[in-house]
Amino acid sequence: MSQRQDVTSHPGSSSDSYTYKNGATLALVYGRRRQGKTLLLELMTESTGGFLATGLEQSSAMNLASIGSAYAAHAGLGAPVSFGSWEHAVDALLALGEREAPTPVVLDEFPCLAATAPQLPSIIQRALSPRGRARRRSRARFVLCGSAFSMMRNLLSGTAALRGRAPREVVLHPFGPSTWNASTSVTDHGRVGAGSRAG
């Protein structure tokens, strides 16, 4: 069963929530649009050497090609990687965690990916099977992010393929006026710093 965590969105959040001891793990992050989800995950992946790719409202083949390009850029390759299937892509992304430190691997706007590749949750389920390579050799922190509440919640409900696979489910909420006034400061250089508060 997943642990759902409601948090107030802010760009300076720690990535500790995604650090587990052994094997690849899965987490869901979702909330309404323009609440800072993507910025939060971009900062996390940049600070940890992680990977982030974003799904778009386009065909499955085009999204697969976009992820191949992002993978090549992350790996420092000279040309885009052409993944032959989503199975190949998911296995390659999880293999990014086959190093000493935990590695965030983020698929942002996951509902856009799943809309044209409905097999993706089942592929991720297989890749994260208890005796699979990712659970034995990878320290990837696989994060699926999206703004479609019902779709993201349904990924872990009932008989869904990913039920029982994600130990962490994070729902981001926006700053309210009281939170902003209490926890935000602007430096002389105009940089905004924010503290967090559980929602």
C-alpha atoms as a PDB file:
ATOM      1  CA  MET A   1       0.000   0.000   0.000  1.00  0.00           C
ATOM      2  CA  SER A   2       1.312   3.451  -0.850  1.00  0.00           C
ATOM      3  CA  GLN A   3       1.790   6.222   1.666  1.00  0.00           C
ATOM      4  CA  ARG A   4       0.033   9.382   0.479  1.00  0.00           C
ATOM      5  CA  GLN A   5       1.684  12.619   1.561  1.00  0.00           C
ATOM      6  CA  ASP A   6       0.103  16.059   1.148  1.00  0.00           C
ATOM      7  CA  VAL A   7       2.674  18.834   0.999  1.00  0.00           C
ATOM      8  CA  THR A   8       2.698  22.528   0.250  1.00  0.00           C
ATOM      9  CA  SER A   9       4.533  23.211  -3.006  1.00  0.00           C
ATOM     10  CA  HIS A  10       7.736  25.209  -2.997  1.00  0.00           C
ATOM     11  CA  PRO A  11      10.900  25.080  -5.084  1.00  0.00           C
ATOM     12  CA  GLY A  12      13.283  24.380  -2.208  1.00  0.00           C
ATOM     13  CA  SER A  13      11.852  21.040  -1.092  1.00  0.00           C
ATOM     14  CA  SER A  14      14.290  18.281  -0.147  1.00  0.00           C
ATOM     15  CA  SER A  15      14.574  15.121  -2.229  1.00  0.00           C
ATOM     16  CA  ASP A  16      14.915  13.005   0.920  1.00  0.00           C
ATOM     17  CA  SER A  17      11.364  11.714   0.466  1.00  0.00           C
ATOM     18  CA  TYR A  18      12.608   9.736  -2.509  1.00  0.00           C
ATOM     19  CA  THR A  19      15.618   8.130  -0.822  1.00  0.00           C
ATOM     20  CA  TYR A  20      15.208   4.455   0.016  1.00  0.00           C
ATOM     21  CA  LYS A  21      17.879   1.908   0.825  1.00  0.00           C
ATOM     22  CA  ASN A  22      17.896  -0.829  -1.792  1.00  0.00           C
ATOM     23  CA  GLY A  23      16.547  -1.439  -5.262  1.00  0.00           C
ATOM     24  CA  ALA A  24      14.635   0.769  -7.660  1.00  0.00           C
ATOM     25  CA  THR A  25      11.499   2.353  -6.216  1.00  0.00           C
ATOM     26  CA  LEU A  26       8.442   4.138  -7.551  1.00  0.00           C
ATOM     27  CA  ALA A  27       6.755   7.345  -6.385  1.00  0.00           C
ATOM     28  CA  LEU A  28       3.831   9.373  -7.691  1.00  0.00           C
ATOM     29  CA  VAL A  29       3.785  13.183  -7.553  1.00  0.00           C
ATOM     30  CA  TYR A  30       0.698  15.066  -8.630  1.00  0.00           C
ATOM     31  CA  GLY A  31      -1.258  18.261  -8.103  1.00  0.00           C
ATOM     32  CA  ARG A  32      -3.060  20.917 -10.070  1.00  0.00           C
ATOM     33  CA  ARG A  33      -1.316  22.772 -12.857  1.00  0.00           C
ATOM     34  CA  ARG A  34       1.013  25.678 -12.087  1.00  0.00           C
ATOM     35  CA  GLN A  35       1.731  24.578  -8.504  1.00  0.00           C
ATOM     36  CA  GLY A  36       5.474  24.071  -9.013  1.00  0.00           C
ATOM     37  CA  LYS A  37       5.615  20.308  -9.602  1.00  0.00           C
ATOM     38  CA  THR A  38       7.892  20.505 -12.616  1.00  0.00           C
ATOM     39  CA  LEU A  39      10.170  23.114 -11.044  1.00  0.00           C
ATOM     40  CA  LEU A  40      10.453  21.031  -7.889  1.00  0.00           C
ATOM     41  CA  LEU A  41      11.427  17.939  -9.871  1.00  0.00           C
ATOM     42  CA  GLU A  42      13.777  19.853 -12.165  1.00  0.00           C
ATOM     43  CA  LEU A  43      15.654  21.187  -9.138  1.00  0.00           C
ATOM     44  CA  MET A  44      15.784  17.717  -7.616  1.00  0.00           C
ATOM     45  CA  THR A  45      17.155  16.070 -10.753  1.00  0.00           C
ATOM     46  CA  GLU A  46      19.643  18.876 -11.408  1.00  0.00           C
ATOM     47  CA  SER A  47      21.035  18.703  -7.877  1.00  0.00           C
ATOM     48  CA  THR A  48      21.370  14.916  -7.877  1.00  0.00           C
ATOM     49  CA  GLY A  49      22.400  14.175 -11.460  1.00  0.00           C
ATOM     50  CA  GLY A  50      19.022  12.658 -12.175  1.00  0.00           C
ATOM     51  CA  PHE A  51      16.980  12.388 -15.368  1.00  0.00           C
ATOM     52  CA  LEU A  52      13.765  14.161 -16.358  1.00  0.00           C
ATOM     53  CA  ALA A  53      11.665  13.874 -19.510  1.00  0.00           C
ATOM     54  CA  THR A  54       8.251  15.375 -20.201  1.00  0.00           C
ATOM     55  CA  GLY A  55       5.339  13.806 -22.016  1.00  0.00           C
ATOM     56  CA  LEU A  56       3.462  15.862 -24.602  1.00  0.00           C
ATOM     57  CA  GLU A  57       0.072  15.600 -26.301  1.00  0.00           C
ATOM     58  CA  GLN A  58       1.484  13.815 -29.312  1.00  0.00           C
ATOM     59  CA  SER A  59       1.733  10.295 -30.643  1.00  0.00           C
ATOM     60  CA  SER A  60       3.318   7.475 -28.691  1.00  0.00           C
ATOM     61  CA  ALA A  61       6.122   7.232 -31.252  1.00  0.00           C
ATOM     62  CA  MET A  62       6.884  10.944 -30.919  1.00  0.00           C
ATOM     63  CA  ASN A  63       6.959  10.750 -27.124  1.00  0.00           C
ATOM     64  CA  LEU A  64       9.228   7.712 -27.310  1.00  0.00           C
ATOM     65  CA  ALA A  65      11.556   9.642 -29.633  1.00  0.00           C
ATOM     66  CA  SER A  66      11.542  12.633 -27.260  1.00  0.00           C
ATOM     67  CA  ILE A  67      12.547  10.423 -24.355  1.00  0.00           C
ATOM     68  CA  GLY A  68      15.317   8.956 -26.497  1.00  0.00           C
ATOM     69  CA  SER A  69      16.619  12.460 -27.157  1.00  0.00           C
ATOM     70  CA  ALA A  70      16.460  13.368 -23.461  1.00  0.00           C
ATOM     71  CA  TYR A  71      18.230  10.130 -22.560  1.00  0.00           C
ATOM     72  CA  ALA A  72      21.024  10.851 -25.056  1.00  0.00           C
ATOM     73  CA  ALA A  73      21.465  14.389 -23.718  1.00  0.00           C
ATOM     74  CA  HIS A  74      21.591  13.097 -20.146  1.00  0.00           C
ATOM     75  CA  ALA A  75      24.161  10.430 -21.052  1.00  0.00           C
ATOM     76  CA  GLY A  76      26.261  12.870 -23.061  1.00  0.00           C
ATOM     77  CA  LEU A  77      25.778  10.984 -26.312  1.00  0.00           C
ATOM     78  CA  GLY A  78      26.263  12.668 -29.661  1.00  0.00           C
ATOM     79  CA  ALA A  79      23.036  11.451 -31.244  1.00  0.00           C
ATOM     80  CA  PRO A  80      19.524  10.654 -29.965  1.00  0.00           C
ATOM     81  CA  VAL A  81      18.857   7.127 -28.786  1.00  0.00           C
ATOM     82  CA  SER A  82      16.177   5.300 -30.743  1.00  0.00           C
ATOM     83  CA  PHE A  83      14.215   3.085 -28.365  1.00  0.00           C
ATOM     84  CA  GLY A  84      12.481   0.281 -30.203  1.00  0.00           C
ATOM     85  CA  SER A  85       9.715  -0.028 -27.621  1.00  0.00           C
ATOM     86  CA  TRP A  86       8.475   1.357 -24.321  1.00  0.00           C
ATOM     87  CA  GLU A  87       9.828  -1.770 -22.632  1.00  0.00           C
ATOM     88  CA  HIS A  88      13.291  -0.899 -23.909  1.00  0.00           C
ATOM     89  CA  ALA A  89      12.919   2.719 -22.807  1.00  0.00           C
ATOM     90  CA  VAL A  90      11.743   1.893 -19.264  1.00  0.00           C
ATOM     91  CA  ASP A  91      14.521  -0.658 -18.775  1.00  0.00           C
ATOM     92  CA  ALA A  92      17.115   1.874 -19.981  1.00  0.00           C
ATOM     93  CA  LEU A  93      15.782   4.586 -17.680  1.00  0.00           C
ATOM     94  CA  LEU A  94      15.845   2.295 -14.653  1.00  0.00           C
ATOM     95  CA  ALA A  95      19.386   1.273 -15.554  1.00  0.00           C
ATOM     96  CA  LEU A  96      20.434   4.898 -15.006  1.00  0.00           C
ATOM     97  CA  GLY A  97      20.222   4.038 -11.316  1.00  0.00           C
ATOM     98  CA  GLU A  98      22.890   1.358 -11.513  1.00  0.00           C
ATOM     99  CA  ARG A  99      25.396   3.449  -9.639  1.00  0.00           C
ATOM    100  CA  GLU A 100      26.324   4.058  -6.021  1.00  0.00           C
ATOM    101  CA  ALA A 101      24.042   7.001  -5.297  1.00  0.00           C
ATOM    102  CA  PRO A 102      20.225   6.951  -5.625  1.00  0.00           C
ATOM    103  CA  THR A 103      19.219   8.464  -8.967  1.00  0.00           C
ATOM    104  CA  PRO A 104      15.906  10.256  -9.568  1.00  0.00           C
ATOM    105  CA  VAL A 105      14.343   9.298 -12.910  1.00  0.00           C
ATOM    106  CA  VAL A 106      11.299  11.471 -13.599  1.00  0.00           C
ATOM    107  CA  LEU A 107       8.591  11.165 -16.224  1.00  0.00           C
ATOM    108  CA  ASP A 108       6.681  14.447 -16.057  1.00  0.00           C
ATOM    109  CA  GLU A 109       3.190  14.782 -17.543  1.00  0.00           C
ATOM    110  CA  PHE A 110       2.853  11.015 -17.323  1.00  0.00           C
ATOM    111  CA  PRO A 111      -0.864  11.110 -18.293  1.00  0.00           C
ATOM    112  CA  CYS A 112       0.191  12.401 -21.740  1.00  0.00           C
ATOM    113  CA  LEU A 113       2.472   9.404 -22.139  1.00  0.00           C
ATOM    114  CA  ALA A 114      -0.104   6.895 -20.930  1.00  0.00           C
ATOM    115  CA  ALA A 115      -2.877   8.374 -23.098  1.00  0.00           C
ATOM    116  CA  THR A 116      -1.196   7.043 -26.250  1.00  0.00           C
ATOM    117  CA  ALA A 117       0.712   4.187 -24.607  1.00  0.00           C
ATOM    118  CA  PRO A 118      -1.810   2.639 -22.189  1.00  0.00           C
ATOM    119  CA  GLN A 119       0.513  -0.328 -21.682  1.00  0.00           C
ATOM    120  CA  LEU A 120       3.035   1.856 -19.801  1.00  0.00           C
ATOM    121  CA  PRO A 121       1.783   1.125 -16.253  1.00  0.00           C
ATOM    122  CA  SER A 122       1.987  -2.620 -16.944  1.00  0.00           C
ATOM    123  CA  ILE A 123       5.472  -2.217 -18.413  1.00  0.00           C
ATOM    124  CA  ILE A 124       6.613  -0.337 -15.304  1.00  0.00           C
ATOM    125  CA  GLN A 125       5.004  -3.000 -13.111  1.00  0.00           C
ATOM    126  CA  ARG A 126       7.005  -5.690 -14.871  1.00  0.00           C
ATOM    127  CA  ALA A 127      10.227  -3.684 -14.712  1.00  0.00           C
ATOM    128  CA  LEU A 128       9.813  -3.222 -10.953  1.00  0.00           C
ATOM    129  CA  SER A 129       8.979  -6.840 -10.183  1.00  0.00           C
ATOM    130  CA  PRO A 130      10.597  -8.024  -6.930  1.00  0.00           C
ATOM    131  CA  ARG A 131      13.065 -10.323  -8.711  1.00  0.00           C
ATOM    132  CA  GLY A 132      13.702  -8.071 -11.694  1.00  0.00           C
ATOM    133  CA  ARG A 133      17.009  -6.442 -12.569  1.00  0.00           C
ATOM    134  CA  ALA A 134      15.903  -2.978 -11.412  1.00  0.00           C
ATOM    135  CA  ARG A 135      15.006  -4.187  -7.933  1.00  0.00           C
ATOM    136  CA  ARG A 136      18.287  -6.076  -7.646  1.00  0.00           C
ATOM    137  CA  ARG A 137      20.794  -3.719  -9.293  1.00  0.00           C
ATOM    138  CA  SER A 138      19.330  -0.239  -9.665  1.00  0.00           C
ATOM    139  CA  ARG A 139      18.921   2.588  -7.163  1.00  0.00           C
ATOM    140  CA  ALA A 140      16.667   4.551  -9.492  1.00  0.00           C
ATOM    141  CA  ARG A 141      13.947   6.598  -7.807  1.00  0.00           C
ATOM    142  CA  PHE A 142      11.352   6.393 -10.555  1.00  0.00           C
ATOM    143  CA  VAL A 143       8.896   9.285 -10.282  1.00  0.00           C
ATOM    144  CA  LEU A 144       5.686   9.635 -12.295  1.00  0.00           C
ATOM    145  CA  CYS A 145       4.300  13.164 -12.225  1.00  0.00           C
ATOM    146  CA  GLY A 146       1.065  14.609 -13.553  1.00  0.00           C
ATOM    147  CA  SER A 147      -1.765  17.075 -13.142  1.00  0.00           C
ATOM    148  CA  ALA A 148      -4.704  14.773 -13.895  1.00  0.00           C
ATOM    149  CA  PHE A 149      -5.817  13.847 -10.362  1.00  0.00           C
ATOM    150  CA  SER A 150      -8.170  11.013 -11.209  1.00  0.00           C
ATOM    151  CA  MET A 151      -5.760   9.361 -13.629  1.00  0.00           C
ATOM    152  CA  MET A 152      -2.793   9.586 -11.251  1.00  0.00           C
ATOM    153  CA  ARG A 153      -4.779   8.244  -8.293  1.00  0.00           C
ATOM    154  CA  ASN A 154      -6.215   5.428 -10.388  1.00  0.00           C
ATOM    155  CA  LEU A 155      -2.686   4.217 -11.159  1.00  0.00           C
ATOM    156  CA  LEU A 156      -2.591   2.723  -7.648  1.00  0.00           C
ATOM    157  CA  SER A 157      -6.223   1.815  -7.079  1.00  0.00           C
ATOM    158  CA  GLY A 158      -8.243  -1.376  -7.288  1.00  0.00           C
ATOM    159  CA  THR A 159      -6.765  -3.844  -9.737  1.00  0.00           C
ATOM    160  CA  ALA A 160      -4.469  -1.294 -11.427  1.00  0.00           C
ATOM    161  CA  ALA A 161      -1.115  -2.620 -12.620  1.00  0.00           C
ATOM    162  CA  LEU A 162       0.901  -0.396 -10.269  1.00  0.00           C
ATOM    163  CA  ARG A 163      -1.117  -1.110  -7.139  1.00  0.00           C
ATOM    164  CA  GLY A 164       1.354  -2.012  -4.388  1.00  0.00           C
ATOM    165  CA  ARG A 165       4.372  -0.871  -6.431  1.00  0.00           C
ATOM    166  CA  ALA A 166       4.646   2.746  -5.173  1.00  0.00           C
ATOM    167  CA  PRO A 167       5.593   3.239  -1.514  1.00  0.00           C
ATOM    168  CA  ARG A 168       5.202   7.010  -1.792  1.00  0.00           C
ATOM    169  CA  GLU A 169       2.403   9.126  -3.237  1.00  0.00           C
ATOM    170  CA  VAL A 170       2.875  12.901  -2.946  1.00  0.00           C
ATOM    171  CA  VAL A 171       0.095  15.429  -3.573  1.00  0.00           C
ATOM    172  CA  LEU A 172       1.345  19.000  -4.004  1.00  0.00           C
ATOM    173  CA  HIS A 173      -0.783  21.933  -2.924  1.00  0.00           C
ATOM    174  CA  PRO A 174      -0.229  25.611  -3.752  1.00  0.00           C
ATOM    175  CA  PHE A 175       0.890  28.287  -1.341  1.00  0.00           C
ATOM    176  CA  GLY A 176      -1.954  30.084   0.380  1.00  0.00           C
ATOM    177  CA  PRO A 177      -1.592  33.757   1.361  1.00  0.00           C
ATOM    178  CA  SER A 178      -0.812  32.898   4.991  1.00  0.00           C
ATOM    179  CA  THR A 179       1.885  30.414   3.989  1.00  0.00           C
ATOM    180  CA  TRP A 180       3.455  32.903   1.590  1.00  0.00           C
ATOM    181  CA  ASN A 181       3.534  35.722   4.168  1.00  0.00           C
ATOM    182  CA  ALA A 182       4.935  33.505   6.900  1.00  0.00           C
ATOM    183  CA  SER A 183       7.577  31.633   5.003  1.00  0.00           C
ATOM    184  CA  THR A 184       8.765  33.744   2.073  1.00  0.00           C
ATOM    185  CA  SER A 185      11.503  36.349   1.891  1.00  0.00           C
ATOM    186  CA  VAL A 186      13.069  38.288  -0.963  1.00  0.00           C
ATOM    187  CA  THR A 187      16.810  38.897  -0.825  1.00  0.00           C
ATOM    188  CA  ASP A 188      18.583  42.026  -2.017  1.00  0.00           C
ATOM    189  CA  HIS A 189      19.183  40.267  -5.330  1.00  0.00           C
ATOM    190  CA  GLY A 190      15.483  39.566  -5.810  1.00  0.00           C
ATOM    191  CA  ARG A 191      15.713  35.827  -5.223  1.00  0.00           C
ATOM    192  CA  VAL A 192      12.713  34.296  -3.528  1.00  0.00           C
ATOM    193  CA  GLY A 193      13.295  31.798  -0.741  1.00  0.00           C
ATOM    194  CA  ALA A 194      10.452  29.727   0.677  1.00  0.00           C
ATOM    195  CA  GLY A 195       9.955  27.338   3.545  1.00  0.00           C
ATOM    196  CA  SER A 196       7.613  24.385   3.522  1.00  0.00           C
ATOM    197  CA  ARG A 197       4.565  23.483   5.509  1.00  0.00           C
ATOM    198  CA  ALA A 198       2.645  20.249   5.499  1.00  0.00           C
ATOM    199  CA  GLY A 199      -0.686  20.609   3.797  1.00  0.00           C
END
